[in-house]
Amino acid sequence: MAHTEGIRIKKKFGQHFLRDERVVEHMIEAVEITNATSVFEIGCGDGFLTRAILRHPVARLWVFEIDPEWATYVQSTVKDSRLHMVQDNFLTIDPAMIAPFQPWTVLANLPYQITFPILRWFQENRHLIKEGVVMVQEEVAQKIMKTSGRGYGFPSLFFQRYFSWRMLDKIPPAAFFPPPKVNSRLLYFKPHYDVEPILDEEGFWRFIKVCLHQPRRTMRNNLAQSHYDINKLSQELLNSRAQQLSMDDFIKLWMLLR
């Protein structure tokens, strides 16, 4: 069983700790850091990224750590008045807690098993966020960045609608302890604040899930068992594969079928 600093590394929290200084510096270099910047980190582990951030002139660094052992360790070993430790599950925090110090810059090595819920939290609270860099699984990064073809799906459409994204470094397992079984990727993101509303947006995203249930199948096949009236669609659209359609195409379809 893996340990570091005398503390057990816990698989249930997806703990893989960065050990490559170049990686954390590339994360920090990708965002604008000044002595007025508010930064938050999710899952500090033993504080490798935390210490690197505090070498820069940030106004404050809030760290959300669910593991009480690591929260206590970092709080006791990192002596910096700018550090504020929140020992809690990030997904359950009240956004009002961080609102007074907005806008926030996010720098985080995300726990892989809850990457999408955390990104959804960012989407729901993007008015609080200026920009950020996150570490995610390579496969997840590819899904988010896809604009068509294999791997294109609901995450691609959803997260590209609310954020602009940029691929940064691909990170091998050897950059972590213990090493994960997959490659990772740094992703830069910046929120879109003025997103044009879609009529019945919740219904639209349910519709997207139906359309992209099997992206390589035709729209006819994907919608055949749904309640939508496909007779309103042209044969050309019905014969299109879902993975070939853009966000604009899906919005036009939604306006015809809703």
Protein backbone atom coordinates (compact mmCIF):
# COMPACT_ATOMS: atom_id res chain seq x y z
CA MET A 1 0.00 0.00 0.00
CA ALA A 2 1.43 3.38 -1.08
CA HIS A 3 2.41 5.93 1.55
CA THR A 4 4.13 9.29 1.46
CA GLU A 5 5.04 11.56 4.38
CA GLY A 6 3.81 8.72 6.60
CA ILE A 7 0.24 9.10 5.32
CA ARG A 8 -1.55 6.38 3.37
CA ILE A 9 -2.52 7.26 -0.21
CA LYS A 10 -6.21 6.45 -0.61
CA LYS A 11 -7.51 4.93 -3.83
CA LYS A 12 -11.13 5.90 -3.02
CA PHE A 13 -10.16 9.58 -3.41
CA GLY A 14 -8.26 8.97 -6.66
CA GLN A 15 -5.01 10.17 -5.12
CA HIS A 16 -2.14 10.37 -7.63
CA PHE A 17 0.30 13.07 -6.58
CA LEU A 18 2.27 15.16 -9.08
CA ARG A 19 6.04 14.87 -8.84
CA ASP A 20 7.20 16.86 -11.89
CA GLU A 21 8.06 20.53 -11.27
CA ARG A 22 7.90 21.33 -14.97
CA VAL A 23 4.27 20.26 -15.11
CA VAL A 24 3.15 22.53 -12.28
CA GLU A 25 5.10 25.46 -13.71
CA HIS A 26 3.45 24.93 -17.11
CA MET A 27 0.05 24.98 -15.37
CA ILE A 28 0.84 28.26 -13.65
CA GLU A 29 2.44 29.85 -16.72
CA ALA A 30 -0.77 29.25 -18.73
CA VAL A 31 -2.81 31.66 -16.59
CA GLU A 32 -2.40 35.29 -15.59
CA ILE A 33 -1.08 35.52 -12.03
CA THR A 34 -0.72 38.83 -10.18
CA ASN A 35 -0.78 39.90 -6.56
CA ALA A 36 -4.55 40.47 -7.00
CA THR A 37 -5.33 36.94 -8.24
CA SER A 38 -7.59 34.61 -6.27
CA VAL A 39 -6.71 30.95 -6.91
CA PHE A 40 -8.41 27.78 -5.82
CA GLU A 41 -7.12 24.23 -5.95
CA ILE A 42 -9.14 21.01 -5.65
CA GLY A 43 -7.45 18.08 -3.90
CA CYS A 44 -4.04 19.28 -2.73
CA GLY A 45 -2.69 15.91 -1.61
CA ASP A 46 0.73 16.51 -0.08
CA GLY A 47 0.85 20.09 -1.35
CA PHE A 48 3.16 19.77 -4.36
CA LEU A 49 1.09 22.11 -6.54
CA THR A 50 0.05 24.20 -3.52
CA ARG A 51 3.66 25.14 -2.73
CA ALA A 52 4.37 25.95 -6.38
CA ILE A 53 1.38 28.33 -6.58
CA LEU A 54 2.49 30.12 -3.42
CA ARG A 55 5.88 30.81 -4.97
CA HIS A 56 3.97 33.28 -7.15
CA PRO A 57 2.42 36.62 -6.14
CA VAL A 58 -1.20 35.51 -5.65
CA ALA A 59 -3.60 37.37 -3.35
CA ARG A 60 -4.98 34.16 -1.87
CA LEU A 61 -5.06 30.40 -2.41
CA TRP A 62 -8.04 28.42 -1.24
CA VAL A 63 -7.56 24.67 -1.17
CA PHE A 64 -10.44 22.18 -1.04
CA GLU A 65 -9.27 18.83 0.32
CA ILE A 66 -11.66 16.02 1.26
CA ASP A 67 -9.01 13.91 3.06
CA PRO A 68 -8.55 15.25 6.61
CA GLU A 69 -5.05 13.74 6.93
CA TRP A 70 -3.71 15.61 3.91
CA ALA A 71 -5.59 18.79 4.79
CA THR A 72 -3.97 18.76 8.23
CA TYR A 73 -0.53 17.90 6.82
CA VAL A 74 -0.52 20.74 4.27
CA GLN A 75 -1.93 23.25 6.73
CA SER A 76 0.77 22.38 9.25
CA THR A 77 3.70 22.35 6.82
CA VAL A 78 2.86 25.26 4.49
CA LYS A 79 3.26 28.41 6.53
CA ASP A 80 1.76 31.13 4.36
CA SER A 81 -0.97 33.56 5.36
CA ARG A 82 -2.40 33.48 1.84
CA LEU A 83 -3.34 29.80 2.20
CA HIS A 84 -6.88 29.00 3.31
CA MET A 85 -7.65 25.28 3.73
CA VAL A 86 -11.23 24.03 3.36
CA GLN A 87 -11.49 20.42 4.54
CA ASP A 88 -14.59 19.41 2.60
CA ASN A 89 -15.91 17.78 -0.55
CA PHE A 90 -15.65 20.46 -3.25
CA LEU A 91 -18.87 19.27 -4.90
CA THR A 92 -20.90 20.07 -1.79
CA ILE A 93 -19.60 23.56 -1.06
CA ASP A 94 -21.92 26.56 -1.26
CA PRO A 95 -20.74 28.81 -4.14
CA ALA A 96 -21.56 31.80 -1.95
CA MET A 97 -18.51 30.82 0.14
CA ILE A 98 -16.12 31.87 -2.62
CA ALA A 99 -18.18 34.65 -4.19
CA PRO A 100 -16.63 37.54 -2.18
CA PHE A 101 -13.20 36.98 -3.79
CA GLN A 102 -14.26 36.42 -7.40
CA PRO A 103 -13.12 36.11 -10.11
CA TRP A 104 -11.19 32.93 -9.37
CA THR A 105 -8.41 31.20 -11.27
CA VAL A 106 -8.55 27.41 -11.03
CA LEU A 107 -5.38 25.31 -10.86
CA ALA A 108 -6.07 21.68 -10.07
CA ASN A 109 -5.08 18.08 -10.61
CA LEU A 110 -8.66 16.78 -10.65
CA PRO A 111 -9.60 13.45 -9.04
CA TYR A 112 -10.27 11.44 -12.19
CA GLN A 113 -13.41 9.64 -11.00
CA ILE A 114 -15.26 12.92 -10.42
CA THR A 115 -13.85 15.02 -13.27
CA PHE A 116 -17.18 15.53 -15.03
CA PRO A 117 -19.13 16.48 -11.87
CA ILE A 118 -16.44 19.06 -11.06
CA LEU A 119 -16.54 20.47 -14.60
CA ARG A 120 -20.33 20.64 -14.30
CA TRP A 121 -19.89 22.64 -11.07
CA PHE A 122 -17.63 25.02 -13.00
CA GLN A 123 -20.32 25.34 -15.69
CA GLU A 124 -23.05 26.14 -13.17
CA ASN A 125 -20.84 28.69 -11.39
CA ARG A 126 -18.78 30.02 -14.26
CA HIS A 127 -19.67 33.62 -13.33
CA LEU A 128 -17.23 33.14 -10.41
CA ILE A 129 -14.34 31.90 -12.59
CA LYS A 130 -11.93 33.88 -14.75
CA GLU A 131 -9.86 31.00 -16.21
CA GLY A 132 -8.08 27.84 -15.20
CA VAL A 133 -5.89 24.85 -15.95
CA VAL A 134 -6.92 21.36 -14.90
CA MET A 135 -5.28 17.96 -15.15
CA VAL A 136 -7.63 15.30 -16.52
CA GLN A 137 -7.35 11.88 -18.12
CA GLU A 138 -6.20 12.03 -21.75
CA GLU A 139 -9.38 10.24 -22.85
CA VAL A 140 -11.55 12.84 -21.10
CA ALA A 141 -9.57 15.69 -22.66
CA GLN A 142 -10.09 14.22 -26.13
CA LYS A 143 -13.84 13.89 -25.55
CA ILE A 144 -14.10 17.52 -24.47
CA MET A 145 -12.09 18.81 -27.44
CA LYS A 146 -13.74 16.77 -30.20
CA THR A 147 -15.82 18.60 -32.84
CA SER A 148 -16.86 15.55 -34.88
CA GLY A 149 -16.08 11.88 -35.48
CA ARG A 150 -15.04 9.19 -33.05
CA GLY A 151 -15.21 10.27 -29.41
CA TYR A 152 -17.53 13.20 -30.21
CA GLY A 153 -20.50 13.21 -27.90
CA PHE A 154 -22.46 14.95 -25.17
CA PRO A 155 -19.36 16.15 -23.22
CA SER A 156 -17.95 17.75 -26.39
CA LEU A 157 -21.10 19.74 -27.12
CA PHE A 158 -21.92 20.63 -23.52
CA PHE A 159 -18.53 21.83 -22.33
CA GLN A 160 -17.60 23.60 -25.57
CA ARG A 161 -20.81 25.60 -25.34
CA TYR A 162 -19.92 27.05 -21.95
CA PHE A 163 -16.10 27.26 -22.17
CA SER A 164 -13.29 27.79 -24.63
CA TRP A 165 -10.61 25.10 -24.28
CA ARG A 166 -6.97 24.70 -25.22
CA MET A 167 -4.88 21.54 -25.11
CA LEU A 168 -1.66 21.87 -23.16
CA ASP A 169 0.92 19.21 -22.19
CA LYS A 170 0.29 15.48 -22.35
CA ILE A 171 1.49 14.03 -19.03
CA PRO A 172 2.83 10.45 -18.69
CA PRO A 173 2.07 8.25 -15.66
CA ALA A 174 5.69 8.63 -14.46
CA ALA A 175 4.95 12.26 -13.49
CA PHE A 176 2.82 10.99 -10.57
CA PHE A 177 3.17 8.93 -7.42
CA PRO A 178 1.69 6.40 -7.46
CA PRO A 179 1.58 6.38 -11.27
CA PRO A 180 -1.91 6.04 -12.78
CA LYS A 181 -2.56 3.50 -15.53
CA VAL A 182 -3.42 6.17 -18.09
CA ASN A 183 -1.91 9.26 -19.67
CA SER A 184 -3.14 12.63 -18.48
CA ARG A 185 -3.54 16.03 -20.10
CA LEU A 186 -3.45 19.64 -19.03
CA LEU A 187 -6.42 21.63 -20.32
CA TYR A 188 -6.72 25.40 -20.23
CA PHE A 189 -10.27 26.76 -20.06
CA LYS A 190 -12.03 30.10 -20.00
CA PRO A 191 -15.77 30.54 -19.42
CA HIS A 192 -18.22 31.92 -21.95
CA TYR A 193 -20.35 34.30 -19.91
CA ASP A 194 -22.95 35.45 -22.45
CA VAL A 195 -24.20 32.17 -23.85
CA GLU A 196 -27.24 32.59 -26.08
CA PRO A 197 -30.15 30.84 -24.36
CA ILE A 198 -31.83 27.80 -25.89
CA LEU A 199 -35.57 27.31 -25.42
CA ASP A 200 -36.12 24.69 -22.70
CA GLU A 201 -32.40 24.16 -22.23
CA GLU A 202 -32.80 21.15 -19.91
CA GLY A 203 -35.00 19.48 -22.51
CA PHE A 204 -32.45 20.31 -25.20
CA TRP A 205 -29.64 18.55 -23.36
CA ARG A 206 -31.85 15.49 -22.80
CA PHE A 207 -32.51 15.54 -26.55
CA ILE A 208 -28.75 15.70 -27.22
CA LYS A 209 -28.22 12.59 -25.09
CA VAL A 210 -30.80 10.74 -27.19
CA CYS A 211 -29.24 11.94 -30.45
CA LEU A 212 -25.74 10.95 -29.37
CA HIS A 213 -26.65 7.72 -27.59
CA GLN A 214 -24.81 5.91 -30.41
CA PRO A 215 -22.97 8.66 -32.31
CA ARG A 216 -22.03 6.49 -35.30
CA ARG A 217 -25.65 5.57 -35.99
CA THR A 218 -27.94 7.70 -38.14
CA MET A 219 -30.28 10.22 -36.61
CA ARG A 220 -33.17 8.04 -37.83
CA ASN A 221 -31.92 5.11 -35.75
CA ASN A 222 -31.10 7.17 -32.68
CA LEU A 223 -34.50 8.89 -32.65
CA ALA A 224 -36.59 5.92 -33.77
CA GLN A 225 -37.60 4.83 -30.25
CA SER A 226 -38.00 8.37 -28.89
CA HIS A 227 -41.17 10.48 -28.60
CA TYR A 228 -39.89 13.02 -31.15
CA ASP A 229 -41.77 13.26 -34.47
CA ILE A 230 -39.07 12.45 -36.98
CA ASN A 231 -41.49 13.02 -39.87
CA LYS A 232 -40.63 16.72 -39.48
CA LEU A 233 -37.06 16.03 -40.58
CA SER A 234 -35.66 15.79 -44.08
CA GLN A 235 -34.32 12.49 -45.38
CA GLU A 236 -30.88 14.08 -45.56
CA LEU A 237 -30.96 14.88 -41.84
CA LEU A 238 -32.39 11.50 -40.91
CA ASN A 239 -29.57 9.76 -42.81
CA SER A 240 -26.87 11.90 -41.16
CA ARG A 241 -24.74 10.33 -38.47
CA ALA A 242 -25.01 12.08 -35.12
CA GLN A 243 -21.23 12.46 -34.89
CA GLN A 244 -21.27 14.55 -38.09
CA LEU A 245 -23.61 17.26 -36.73
CA SER A 246 -22.52 20.54 -35.14
CA MET A 247 -24.07 22.42 -32.22
CA ASP A 248 -25.88 24.69 -34.71
CA ASP A 249 -27.29 21.61 -36.47
CA PHE A 250 -28.59 20.20 -33.19
CA ILE A 251 -30.19 23.51 -32.20
CA LYS A 252 -31.99 23.67 -35.57
CA LEU A 253 -33.19 20.08 -35.05
CA TRP A 254 -34.39 20.95 -31.56
CA MET A 255 -36.39 23.91 -32.82
CA LEU A 256 -38.12 21.63 -35.33
CA LEU A 257 -38.85 18.80 -32.89
CA ARG A 258 -39.43 20.33 -29.46
